[in-house]
Amino acid sequence: MEIAILLFPRLTALDAVGPYEVLRSLPDVTLRMVAASPGPQRTDHGALALVADTSIDDMPAPDVVVIPGGPGEVGVREDPRSLDWVRSVHRTSTWTTSVCTGSLVLGAAGLLEGRRATSHWTALDTLAGFGAEPTEERVVVDGKIVTAAGVSSGIDMALWLAAQLADEETARAIQLSIEYDPQPPFDAGSTAKASAALVDRLRRSSRFATG
């Protein structure tokens, strides 16, 4: 089984690394970091780089595709070659997935028309502009497309995916091996839990803010 995680400049590191840490543990899997231009891809804050050792041209038919988000997804949305690759691999994939604003890439590729999908909560209006039916659910499955909400939700999505690709016991074992047992010090991880003032503050500072 081949899994491709798409990298690009100014991606959000955890969007890619979270799913990688889960999916790399599956049996009989070849997992590759791919990019339009292979090599180090600087993440959104610049201090960290992830390395893509494979060109998208050399990964024409992965079984699973993972598209992370981050500010750099705008460049992917504007790159016809990358969008053509996304459309092409989706035709034969078992699962086409995204984390955070990676779903906007799926939308730009025309894959979310009429489908339920999620993204980072600040990007849901933009997601709707691609014909998707946005929701703030943490992981959304619509056919063979799986979208995860913001950043950390990529781990949840990957664990769900691991259960589909192997079995639930394998997924549980991976969860235990990475000791994924979230107990955050603050109960402010979603718009339903955070204060209205905090939600407004982050919404206004978001790159998707209007006005």
Foldseek 3Di string as FASTA:
>chain_A
DEEEEEAAAAFAVLQRVLLCLQVVLAPPYDYFYEYCDFAWHAHNVRPDTDGGPYYLVVVQAGQEYEYEGGPCVVVLLVDPVNLVSLVRNVVRHQAYEYEACSVLSCLSSLNAADEEEEHAPLCQVVSVVSNHDYDPDQWDDDRRYIYGYHRVSSNVVSLVVSCVVPRNVSSVVSCVVVVVDDDDPDQDPDPVGHDPVVVVVCSCVDPSRDD
